[in-house]
PDB file of N, CA and C in Angstrom:
ATOM      1  N   UNK A   1      18.430 -11.051   8.743  1.00  0.00           N
ATOM      2  CA  UNK A   1      17.175 -10.401   9.053  1.00  0.00           C
ATOM      3  C   UNK A   1      16.768 -10.796  10.476  1.00  0.00           C
ATOM      4  N   UNK A   2      16.351  -9.816  11.280  1.00  0.00           N
ATOM      5  CA  UNK A   2      15.942 -10.125  12.657  1.00  0.00           C
ATOM      6  C   UNK A   2      14.754 -11.093  12.708  1.00  0.00           C
ATOM      7  N   UNK A   3      14.687 -11.836  13.783  1.00  0.00           N
ATOM      8  CA  UNK A   3      13.643 -12.841  13.964  1.00  0.00           C
ATOM      9  C   UNK A   3      12.244 -12.236  13.874  1.00  0.00           C
ATOM     10  N   UNK A   4      12.061 -11.047  14.435  1.00  0.00           N
ATOM     11  CA  UNK A   4      10.740 -10.408  14.409  1.00  0.00           C
ATOM     12  C   UNK A   4      10.285 -10.172  12.970  1.00  0.00           C
ATOM     13  N   UNK A   5      11.191  -9.724  12.123  1.00  0.00           N
ATOM     14  CA  UNK A   5      10.827  -9.484  10.723  1.00  0.00           C
ATOM     15  C   UNK A   5      10.555 -10.791   9.986  1.00  0.00           C
ATOM     16  N   UNK A   6      11.294 -11.816  10.317  1.00  0.00           N
ATOM     17  CA  UNK A   6      11.049 -13.123   9.703  1.00  0.00           C
ATOM     18  C   UNK A   6       9.667 -13.645  10.115  1.00  0.00           C
ATOM     19  N   UNK A   7       9.336 -13.508  11.388  1.00  0.00           N
ATOM     20  CA  UNK A   7       8.010 -13.928  11.854  1.00  0.00           C
ATOM     21  C   UNK A   7       6.911 -13.092  11.207  1.00  0.00           C
ATOM     22  N   UNK A   8       7.167 -11.791  11.053  1.00  0.00           N
ATOM     23  CA  UNK A   8       6.196 -10.924  10.387  1.00  0.00           C
ATOM     24  C   UNK A   8       5.942 -11.411   8.964  1.00  0.00           C
ATOM     25  N   UNK A   9       7.001 -11.787   8.277  1.00  0.00           N
ATOM     26  CA  UNK A   9       6.866 -12.301   6.906  1.00  0.00           C
ATOM     27  C   UNK A   9       5.969 -13.544   6.893  1.00  0.00           C
ATOM     28  N   UNK A  10       6.211 -14.489   7.789  1.00  0.00           N
ATOM     29  CA  UNK A  10       5.416 -15.717   7.833  1.00  0.00           C
ATOM     30  C   UNK A  10       3.946 -15.427   8.141  1.00  0.00           C
ATOM     31  N   UNK A  11       3.709 -14.515   9.072  1.00  0.00           N
ATOM     32  CA  UNK A  11       2.330 -14.179   9.437  1.00  0.00           C
ATOM     33  C   UNK A  11       1.622 -13.488   8.275  1.00  0.00           C
ATOM     34  N   UNK A  12       2.319 -12.603   7.562  1.00  0.00           N
ATOM     35  CA  UNK A  12       1.709 -11.919   6.415  1.00  0.00           C
ATOM     36  C   UNK A  12       1.313 -12.922   5.335  1.00  0.00           C
ATOM     37  N   UNK A  13       2.168 -13.891   5.089  1.00  0.00           N
ATOM     38  CA  UNK A  13       1.859 -14.918   4.089  1.00  0.00           C
ATOM     39  C   UNK A  13       0.687 -15.781   4.561  1.00  0.00           C
ATOM     40  N   UNK A  14       0.712 -16.175   5.823  1.00  0.00           N
ATOM     41  CA  UNK A  14      -0.379 -16.996   6.362  1.00  0.00           C
ATOM     42  C   UNK A  14      -1.702 -16.234   6.352  1.00  0.00           C
ATOM     43  N   UNK A  15      -1.651 -14.934   6.643  1.00  0.00           N
ATOM     44  CA  UNK A  15      -2.867 -14.113   6.633  1.00  0.00           C
ATOM     45  C   UNK A  15      -3.463 -14.066   5.230  1.00  0.00           C
ATOM     46  N   UNK A  16      -2.619 -13.929   4.219  1.00  0.00           N
ATOM     47  CA  UNK A  16      -3.099 -13.913   2.832  1.00  0.00           C
ATOM     48  C   UNK A  16      -3.690 -15.272   2.446  1.00  0.00           C
ATOM     49  N   UNK A  17      -3.057 -16.346   2.877  1.00  0.00           N
ATOM     50  CA  UNK A  17      -3.596 -17.687   2.594  1.00  0.00           C
ATOM     51  C   UNK A  17      -4.946 -17.888   3.270  1.00  0.00           C
ATOM     52  N   UNK A  18      -5.084 -17.376   4.479  1.00  0.00           N
ATOM     53  CA  UNK A  18      -6.365 -17.509   5.171  1.00  0.00           C
ATOM     54  C   UNK A  18      -7.446 -16.678   4.478  1.00  0.00           C
ATOM     55  N   UNK A  19      -7.053 -15.540   3.901  1.00  0.00           N
ATOM     56  CA  UNK A  19      -7.994 -14.756   3.093  1.00  0.00           C
ATOM     57  C   UNK A  19      -8.506 -15.608   1.941  1.00  0.00           C
ATOM     58  N   UNK A  20      -7.578 -16.285   1.258  1.00  0.00           N
ATOM     59  CA  UNK A  20      -7.965 -17.128   0.122  1.00  0.00           C
ATOM     60  C   UNK A  20      -8.945 -18.213   0.569  1.00  0.00           C
ATOM     61  N   UNK A  21      -8.633 -18.865   1.675  1.00  0.00           N
ATOM     62  CA  UNK A  21      -9.530 -19.894   2.189  1.00  0.00           C
ATOM     63  C   UNK A  21     -10.892 -19.343   2.555  1.00  0.00           C
ATOM     64  N   UNK A  22     -10.906 -18.171   3.170  1.00  0.00           N
ATOM     65  CA  UNK A  22     -12.175 -17.552   3.551  1.00  0.00           C
ATOM     66  C   UNK A  22     -12.982 -17.153   2.318  1.00  0.00           C
ATOM     67  N   UNK A  23     -12.321 -16.611   1.308  1.00  0.00           N
ATOM     68  CA  UNK A  23     -13.034 -16.231   0.083  1.00  0.00           C
ATOM     69  C   UNK A  23     -13.622 -17.450  -0.624  1.00  0.00           C
ATOM     70  N   UNK A  24     -12.870 -18.547  -0.653  1.00  0.00           N
ATOM     71  CA  UNK A  24     -13.395 -19.785  -1.243  1.00  0.00           C
ATOM     72  C   UNK A  24     -14.592 -20.276  -0.426  1.00  0.00           C
ATOM     73  N   UNK A  25     -14.450 -20.238   0.892  1.00  0.00           N
ATOM     74  CA  UNK A  25     -15.561 -20.643   1.752  1.00  0.00           C
ATOM     75  C   UNK A  25     -16.797 -19.782   1.546  1.00  0.00           C
ATOM     76  N   UNK A  26     -16.591 -18.466   1.367  1.00  0.00           N
ATOM     77  CA  UNK A  26     -17.720 -17.564   1.121  1.00  0.00           C
ATOM     78  C   UNK A  26     -18.370 -17.845  -0.232  1.00  0.00           C
ATOM     79  N   UNK A  27     -17.557 -18.209  -1.215  1.00  0.00           N
ATOM     80  CA  UNK A  27     -18.122 -18.578  -2.518  1.00  0.00           C
ATOM     81  C   UNK A  27     -19.061 -19.773  -2.362  1.00  0.00           C
ATOM     82  N   UNK A  28     -18.584 -20.797  -1.678  1.00  0.00           N
ATOM     83  CA  UNK A  28     -19.415 -21.990  -1.526  1.00  0.00           C
ATOM     84  C   UNK A  28     -20.638 -21.731  -0.649  1.00  0.00           C
ATOM     85  N   UNK A  29     -20.535 -20.805   0.274  1.00  0.00           N
ATOM     86  CA  UNK A  29     -21.679 -20.505   1.131  1.00  0.00           C
ATOM     87  C   UNK A  29     -22.725 -19.661   0.404  1.00  0.00           C
ATOM     88  N   UNK A  30     -22.282 -18.596  -0.269  1.00  0.00           N
ATOM     89  CA  UNK A  30     -23.237 -17.635  -0.819  1.00  0.00           C
ATOM     90  C   UNK A  30     -23.540 -17.817  -2.306  1.00  0.00           C
ATOM     91  N   UNK A  31     -22.582 -18.270  -3.104  1.00  0.00           N
ATOM     92  CA  UNK A  31     -22.811 -18.403  -4.544  1.00  0.00           C
ATOM     93  C   UNK A  31     -23.269 -19.821  -4.887  1.00  0.00           C
ATOM     94  N   UNK A  32     -22.488 -20.793  -4.485  1.00  0.00           N
ATOM     95  CA  UNK A  32     -22.845 -22.178  -4.793  1.00  0.00           C
ATOM     96  C   UNK A  32     -23.915 -22.714  -3.848  1.00  0.00           C
ATOM     97  N   UNK A  33     -24.084 -22.054  -2.712  1.00  0.00           N
ATOM     98  CA  UNK A  33     -25.090 -22.437  -1.708  1.00  0.00           C
ATOM     99  C   UNK A  33     -24.986 -23.911  -1.327  1.00  0.00           C
ATOM    100  N   UNK A  34     -23.744 -24.352  -1.083  1.00  0.00           N
ATOM    101  CA  UNK A  34     -23.539 -25.755  -0.716  1.00  0.00           C
ATOM    102  C   UNK A  34     -23.230 -25.943   0.764  1.00  0.00           C
ATOM    103  N   UNK A  35     -23.193 -24.878   1.516  1.00  0.00           N
ATOM    104  CA  UNK A  35     -22.937 -24.993   2.945  1.00  0.00           C
ATOM    105  C   UNK A  35     -21.921 -23.969   3.409  1.00  0.00           C
ATOM    106  N   UNK A  36     -21.810 -23.866   4.717  1.00  0.00           N
ATOM    107  CA  UNK A  36     -20.929 -22.844   5.280  1.00  0.00           C
ATOM    108  C   UNK A  36     -19.725 -23.421   6.019  1.00  0.00           C
ATOM    109  N   UNK A  37     -19.364 -24.646   5.723  1.00  0.00           N
ATOM    110  CA  UNK A  37     -18.240 -25.280   6.413  1.00  0.00           C
ATOM    111  C   UNK A  37     -16.940 -24.496   6.218  1.00  0.00           C
ATOM    112  N   UNK A  38     -16.688 -24.033   4.993  1.00  0.00           N
ATOM    113  CA  UNK A  38     -15.464 -23.279   4.719  1.00  0.00           C
ATOM    114  C   UNK A  38     -15.375 -22.007   5.532  1.00  0.00           C
ATOM    115  N   UNK A  39     -16.491 -21.315   5.677  1.00  0.00           N
ATOM    116  CA  UNK A  39     -16.508 -20.084   6.469  1.00  0.00           C
ATOM    117  C   UNK A  39     -16.316 -20.414   7.944  1.00  0.00           C
ATOM    118  N   UNK A  40     -16.929 -21.496   8.405  1.00  0.00           N
ATOM    119  CA  UNK A  40     -16.768 -21.894   9.804  1.00  0.00           C
ATOM    120  C   UNK A  40     -15.323 -22.266  10.120  1.00  0.00           C
ATOM    121  N   UNK A  41     -14.624 -22.825   9.138  1.00  0.00           N
ATOM    122  CA  UNK A  41     -13.231 -23.212   9.353  1.00  0.00           C
ATOM    123  C   UNK A  41     -12.305 -22.016   9.202  1.00  0.00           C
ATOM    124  N   UNK A  42     -12.409 -21.325   8.060  1.00  0.00           N
ATOM    125  CA  UNK A  42     -11.445 -20.271   7.763  1.00  0.00           C
ATOM    126  C   UNK A  42     -11.758 -18.937   8.432  1.00  0.00           C
ATOM    127  N   UNK A  43     -12.990 -18.715   8.849  1.00  0.00           N
ATOM    128  CA  UNK A  43     -13.335 -17.463   9.525  1.00  0.00           C
ATOM    129  C   UNK A  43     -12.513 -17.237  10.791  1.00  0.00           C
ATOM    130  N   UNK A  44     -12.542 -18.166  11.738  1.00  0.00           N
ATOM    131  CA  UNK A  44     -11.745 -17.991  12.954  1.00  0.00           C
ATOM    132  C   UNK A  44     -10.235 -18.007  12.699  1.00  0.00           C
ATOM    133  N   UNK A  45      -9.806 -18.821  11.740  1.00  0.00           N
ATOM    134  CA  UNK A  45      -8.376 -18.858  11.412  1.00  0.00           C
ATOM    135  C   UNK A  45      -7.936 -17.503  10.883  1.00  0.00           C
ATOM    136  N   UNK A  46      -8.727 -16.955   9.960  1.00  0.00           N
ATOM    137  CA  UNK A  46      -8.381 -15.649   9.406  1.00  0.00           C
ATOM    138  C   UNK A  46      -8.441 -14.568  10.485  1.00  0.00           C
ATOM    139  N   UNK A  47      -9.416 -14.646  11.363  1.00  0.00           N
ATOM    140  CA  UNK A  47      -9.517 -13.663  12.443  1.00  0.00           C
ATOM    141  C   UNK A  47      -8.285 -13.665  13.331  1.00  0.00           C
ATOM    142  N   UNK A  48      -7.824 -14.845  13.696  1.00  0.00           N
ATOM    143  CA  UNK A  48      -6.624 -14.950  14.537  1.00  0.00           C
ATOM    144  C   UNK A  48      -5.391 -14.449  13.795  1.00  0.00           C
ATOM    145  N   UNK A  49      -5.268 -14.808  12.518  1.00  0.00           N
ATOM    146  CA  UNK A  49      -4.108 -14.358  11.747  1.00  0.00           C
ATOM    147  C   UNK A  49      -4.157 -12.858  11.483  1.00  0.00           C
ATOM    148  N   UNK A  50      -5.354 -12.298  11.365  1.00  0.00           N
ATOM    149  CA  UNK A  50      -5.503 -10.849  11.227  1.00  0.00           C
ATOM    150  C   UNK A  50      -4.940 -10.144  12.461  1.00  0.00           C
ATOM    151  N   UNK A  51      -5.308 -10.636  13.630  1.00  0.00           N
ATOM    152  CA  UNK A  51      -4.806 -10.045  14.877  1.00  0.00           C
ATOM    153  C   UNK A  51      -3.291 -10.208  14.973  1.00  0.00           C
ATOM    154  N   UNK A  52      -2.777 -11.373  14.605  1.00  0.00           N
ATOM    155  CA  UNK A  52      -1.325 -11.587  14.607  1.00  0.00           C
ATOM    156  C   UNK A  52      -0.626 -10.671  13.609  1.00  0.00           C
ATOM    157  N   UNK A  53      -1.248 -10.434  12.456  1.00  0.00           N
ATOM    158  CA  UNK A  53      -0.661  -9.533  11.460  1.00  0.00           C
ATOM    159  C   UNK A  53      -0.561  -8.120  12.019  1.00  0.00           C
ATOM    160  N   UNK A  54      -1.621  -7.640  12.657  1.00  0.00           N
ATOM    161  CA  UNK A  54      -1.594  -6.297  13.245  1.00  0.00           C
ATOM    162  C   UNK A  54      -0.498  -6.214  14.304  1.00  0.00           C
ATOM    163  N   UNK A  55      -0.409  -7.214  15.169  1.00  0.00           N
ATOM    164  CA  UNK A  55       0.658  -7.241  16.177  1.00  0.00           C
ATOM    165  C   UNK A  55       2.022  -7.322  15.506  1.00  0.00           C
ATOM    166  N   UNK A  56       2.108  -8.075  14.415  1.00  0.00           N
ATOM    167  CA  UNK A  56       3.366  -8.197  13.681  1.00  0.00           C
ATOM    168  C   UNK A  56       3.803  -6.890  13.065  1.00  0.00           C
ATOM    169  N   UNK A  57       2.860  -6.128  12.531  1.00  0.00           N
ATOM    170  CA  UNK A  57       3.196  -4.807  11.981  1.00  0.00           C
ATOM    171  C   UNK A  57       3.781  -3.931  13.078  1.00  0.00           C
ATOM    172  N   UNK A  58       3.148  -3.918  14.232  1.00  0.00           N
ATOM    173  CA  UNK A  58       3.626  -3.068  15.329  1.00  0.00           C
ATOM    174  C   UNK A  58       4.988  -3.525  15.843  1.00  0.00           C
ATOM    175  N   UNK A  59       5.188  -4.832  15.953  1.00  0.00           N
ATOM    176  CA  UNK A  59       6.486  -5.348  16.411  1.00  0.00           C
ATOM    177  C   UNK A  59       7.575  -5.090  15.378  1.00  0.00           C
ATOM    178  N   UNK A  60       7.268  -5.333  14.108  1.00  0.00           N
ATOM    179  CA  UNK A  60       8.254  -5.104  13.048  1.00  0.00           C
ATOM    180  C   UNK A  60       8.591  -3.624  12.933  1.00  0.00           C
ATOM    181  N   UNK A  61       7.620  -2.772  13.168  1.00  0.00           N
ATOM    182  CA  UNK A  61       7.857  -1.327  13.099  1.00  0.00           C
ATOM    183  C   UNK A  61       8.894  -0.888  14.125  1.00  0.00           C
ATOM    184  N   UNK A  62       8.857  -1.480  15.291  1.00  0.00           N
ATOM    185  CA  UNK A  62       9.847  -1.130  16.324  1.00  0.00           C
ATOM    186  C   UNK A  62      11.235  -1.584  15.919  1.00  0.00           C
ATOM    187  N   UNK A  63      11.340  -2.798  15.405  1.00  0.00           N
ATOM    188  CA  UNK A  63      12.645  -3.351  15.035  1.00  0.00           C
ATOM    189  C   UNK A  63      13.224  -2.627  13.824  1.00  0.00           C
ATOM    190  N   UNK A  64      12.386  -2.404  12.812  1.00  0.00           N
ATOM    191  CA  UNK A  64      12.861  -1.802  11.566  1.00  0.00           C
ATOM    192  C   UNK A  64      12.832  -0.273  11.600  1.00  0.00           C
ATOM    193  N   UNK A  65      12.300   0.297  12.672  1.00  0.00           N
ATOM    194  CA  UNK A  65      12.211   1.754  12.845  1.00  0.00           C
ATOM    195  C   UNK A  65      11.437   2.419  11.710  1.00  0.00           C
ATOM    196  N   UNK A  66      10.245   1.884  11.461  1.00  0.00           N
ATOM    197  CA  UNK A  66       9.390   2.460  10.437  1.00  0.00           C
ATOM    198  C   UNK A  66       8.799   3.760  10.941  1.00  0.00           C
ATOM    199  N   UNK A  67       8.525   4.653  10.018  1.00  0.00           N
ATOM    200  CA  UNK A  67       7.834   5.889  10.346  1.00  0.00           C
ATOM    201  C   UNK A  67       6.341   5.642  10.498  1.00  0.00           C
ATOM    202  N   UNK A  68       5.648   6.669  10.948  1.00  0.00           N
ATOM    203  CA  UNK A  68       4.209   6.549  11.177  1.00  0.00           C
ATOM    204  C   UNK A  68       3.464   6.202   9.888  1.00  0.00           C
ATOM    205  N   UNK A  69       3.865   6.792   8.776  1.00  0.00           N
ATOM    206  CA  UNK A  69       3.197   6.508   7.504  1.00  0.00           C
ATOM    207  C   UNK A  69       3.305   5.050   7.105  1.00  0.00           C
ATOM    208  N   UNK A  70       4.467   4.463   7.312  1.00  0.00           N
ATOM    209  CA  UNK A  70       4.665   3.051   6.976  1.00  0.00           C
ATOM    210  C   UNK A  70       3.831   2.163   7.885  1.00  0.00           C
ATOM    211  N   UNK A  71       3.762   2.512   9.161  1.00  0.00           N
ATOM    212  CA  UNK A  71       2.954   1.729  10.104  1.00  0.00           C
ATOM    213  C   UNK A  71       1.478   1.802   9.718  1.00  0.00           C
ATOM    214  N   UNK A  72       0.996   3.000   9.421  1.00  0.00           N
ATOM    215  CA  UNK A  72      -0.411   3.158   9.034  1.00  0.00           C
ATOM    216  C   UNK A  72      -0.696   2.383   7.748  1.00  0.00           C
ATOM    217  N   UNK A  73       0.225   2.445   6.783  1.00  0.00           N
ATOM    218  CA  UNK A  73       0.051   1.689   5.541  1.00  0.00           C
ATOM    219  C   UNK A  73       0.012   0.187   5.823  1.00  0.00           C
ATOM    220  N   UNK A  74       0.905  -0.282   6.671  1.00  0.00           N
ATOM    221  CA  UNK A  74       0.922  -1.700   7.026  1.00  0.00           C
ATOM    222  C   UNK A  74      -0.365  -2.144   7.690  1.00  0.00           C
ATOM    223  N   UNK A  75      -0.895  -1.309   8.575  1.00  0.00           N
ATOM    224  CA  UNK A  75      -2.155  -1.643   9.236  1.00  0.00           C
ATOM    225  C   UNK A  75      -3.313  -1.608   8.244  1.00  0.00           C
ATOM    226  N   UNK A  76      -3.301  -0.637   7.341  1.00  0.00           N
ATOM    227  CA  UNK A  76      -4.361  -0.550   6.330  1.00  0.00           C
ATOM    228  C   UNK A  76      -4.323  -1.748   5.387  1.00  0.00           C
ATOM    229  N   UNK A  77      -3.137  -2.275   5.142  1.00  0.00           N
ATOM    230  CA  UNK A  77      -2.999  -3.430   4.245  1.00  0.00           C
ATOM    231  C   UNK A  77      -3.534  -4.716   4.868  1.00  0.00           C
ATOM    232  N   UNK A  78      -3.937  -4.664   6.116  1.00  0.00           N
ATOM    233  CA  UNK A  78      -4.539  -5.837   6.750  1.00  0.00           C
ATOM    234  C   UNK A  78      -5.973  -6.050   6.280  1.00  0.00           C
ATOM    235  N   UNK A  79      -6.586  -5.015   5.695  1.00  0.00           N
ATOM    236  CA  UNK A  79      -8.010  -5.090   5.377  1.00  0.00           C
ATOM    237  C   UNK A  79      -8.293  -5.635   3.974  1.00  0.00           C
ATOM    238  N   UNK A  80      -7.767  -5.037   2.897  1.00  0.00           N
ATOM    239  CA  UNK A  80      -8.078  -5.598   1.567  1.00  0.00           C
ATOM    240  C   UNK A  80      -7.381  -6.948   1.363  1.00  0.00           C
ATOM    241  N   UNK A  81      -8.037  -7.865   0.693  1.00  0.00           N
ATOM    242  CA  UNK A  81      -7.423  -9.186   0.488  1.00  0.00           C
ATOM    243  C   UNK A  81      -6.073  -9.118  -0.219  1.00  0.00           C
ATOM    244  N   UNK A  82      -5.127  -9.842   0.312  1.00  0.00           N
ATOM    245  CA  UNK A  82      -3.800 -10.087  -0.273  1.00  0.00           C
ATOM    246  C   UNK A  82      -2.845  -8.892  -0.260  1.00  0.00           C
ATOM    247  N   UNK A  83      -3.256  -7.734   0.237  1.00  0.00           N
ATOM    248  CA  UNK A  83      -2.324  -6.600   0.259  1.00  0.00           C
ATOM    249  C   UNK A  83      -1.260  -6.759   1.340  1.00  0.00           C
ATOM    250  N   UNK A  84      -1.484  -7.648   2.286  1.00  0.00           N
ATOM    251  CA  UNK A  84      -0.437  -7.901   3.283  1.00  0.00           C
ATOM    252  C   UNK A  84       0.811  -8.464   2.611  1.00  0.00           C
ATOM    253  N   UNK A  85       0.630  -9.219   1.527  1.00  0.00           N
ATOM    254  CA  UNK A  85       1.779  -9.752   0.782  1.00  0.00           C
ATOM    255  C   UNK A  85       2.575  -8.628   0.134  1.00  0.00           C
ATOM    256  N   UNK A  86       1.870  -7.697  -0.496  1.00  0.00           N
ATOM    257  CA  UNK A  86       2.532  -6.556  -1.125  1.00  0.00           C
ATOM    258  C   UNK A  86       3.308  -5.747  -0.087  1.00  0.00           C
ATOM    259  N   UNK A  87       2.651  -5.457   1.044  1.00  0.00           N
ATOM    260  CA  UNK A  87       3.307  -4.648   2.070  1.00  0.00           C
ATOM    261  C   UNK A  87       4.510  -5.370   2.660  1.00  0.00           C
ATOM    262  N   UNK A  88       4.366  -6.647   2.926  1.00  0.00           N
ATOM    263  CA  UNK A  88       5.473  -7.412   3.517  1.00  0.00           C
ATOM    264  C   UNK A  88       6.692  -7.371   2.608  1.00  0.00           C
ATOM    265  N   UNK A  89       6.496  -7.595   1.329  1.00  0.00           N
ATOM    266  CA  UNK A  89       7.629  -7.577   0.393  1.00  0.00           C
ATOM    267  C   UNK A  89       8.263  -6.193   0.327  1.00  0.00           C
ATOM    268  N   UNK A  90       7.440  -5.171   0.275  1.00  0.00           N
ATOM    269  CA  UNK A  90       7.934  -3.790   0.208  1.00  0.00           C
ATOM    270  C   UNK A  90       8.697  -3.425   1.476  1.00  0.00           C
ATOM    271  N   UNK A  91       8.128  -3.747   2.621  1.00  0.00           N
ATOM    272  CA  UNK A  91       8.744  -3.372   3.895  1.00  0.00           C
ATOM    273  C   UNK A  91      10.054  -4.118   4.129  1.00  0.00           C
ATOM    274  N   UNK A  92      10.092  -5.401   3.834  1.00  0.00           N
ATOM    275  CA  UNK A  92      11.319  -6.184   4.024  1.00  0.00           C
ATOM    276  C   UNK A  92      12.398  -5.704   3.062  1.00  0.00           C
ATOM    277  N   UNK A  93      12.028  -5.406   1.819  1.00  0.00           N
ATOM    278  CA  UNK A  93      13.005  -4.904   0.844  1.00  0.00           C
ATOM    279  C   UNK A  93      13.596  -3.576   1.303  1.00  0.00           C
ATOM    280  N   UNK A  94      12.754  -2.693   1.806  1.00  0.00           N
ATOM    281  CA  UNK A  94      13.260  -1.401   2.302  1.00  0.00           C
ATOM    282  C   UNK A  94      14.162  -1.590   3.518  1.00  0.00           C
ATOM    283  N   UNK A  95      13.809  -2.534   4.379  1.00  0.00           N
ATOM    284  CA  UNK A  95      14.666  -2.795   5.534  1.00  0.00           C
ATOM    285  C   UNK A  95      16.032  -3.291   5.073  1.00  0.00           C
ATOM    286  N   UNK A  96      16.047  -4.214   4.137  1.00  0.00           N
ATOM    287  CA  UNK A  96      17.318  -4.746   3.634  1.00  0.00           C
ATOM    288  C   UNK A  96      18.154  -3.650   2.983  1.00  0.00           C
ATOM    289  N   UNK A  97      17.511  -2.739   2.254  1.00  0.00           N
ATOM    290  CA  UNK A  97      18.236  -1.620   1.650  1.00  0.00           C
ATOM    291  C   UNK A  97      18.854  -0.729   2.721  1.00  0.00           C
ATOM    292  N   UNK A  98      18.110  -0.474   3.789  1.00  0.00           N
ATOM    293  CA  UNK A  98      18.620   0.413   4.838  1.00  0.00           C
ATOM    294  C   UNK A  98      19.771  -0.223   5.607  1.00  0.00           C
ATOM    295  N   UNK A  99      19.755  -1.532   5.750  1.00  0.00           N
ATOM    296  CA  UNK A  99      20.833  -2.227   6.457  1.00  0.00           C
ATOM    297  C   UNK A  99      22.076  -2.314   5.579  1.00  0.00           C
ATOM    298  N   UNK A 100      21.877  -2.461   4.276  1.00  0.00           N
ATOM    299  CA  UNK A 100      23.004  -2.608   3.348  1.00  0.00           C
ATOM    300  C   UNK A 100      23.807  -1.321   3.204  1.00  0.00           C
ATOM    301  N   UNK A 101      23.192  -0.195   3.482  1.00  0.00           N
ATOM    302  CA  UNK A 101      23.878   1.096   3.304  1.00  0.00           C
ATOM    303  C   UNK A 101      24.839   1.369   4.407  1.00  0.00           C
TER     304      UNK A 101
END
């Protein structure tokens, strides 16, 4: 697997983990009302990983020669929590299938 796709995989996983951290931080800030430290920590981390994920989708699209629909789906999967994991697995599996043929 090309390095760009491997990096995309790592960023997608990290982006999903940062979502989890941000959601936990939001729980403690808004539901438990114990403070906003989690949001202060995970907010910027998630923001940076979100930007890296978007860049990763665009870079991986060039290497894997994804169509416009796949690119749009990958970018859309950056928004709902944890869908970057689903897209990453789907996209990498399709790439491996196309290379194996």
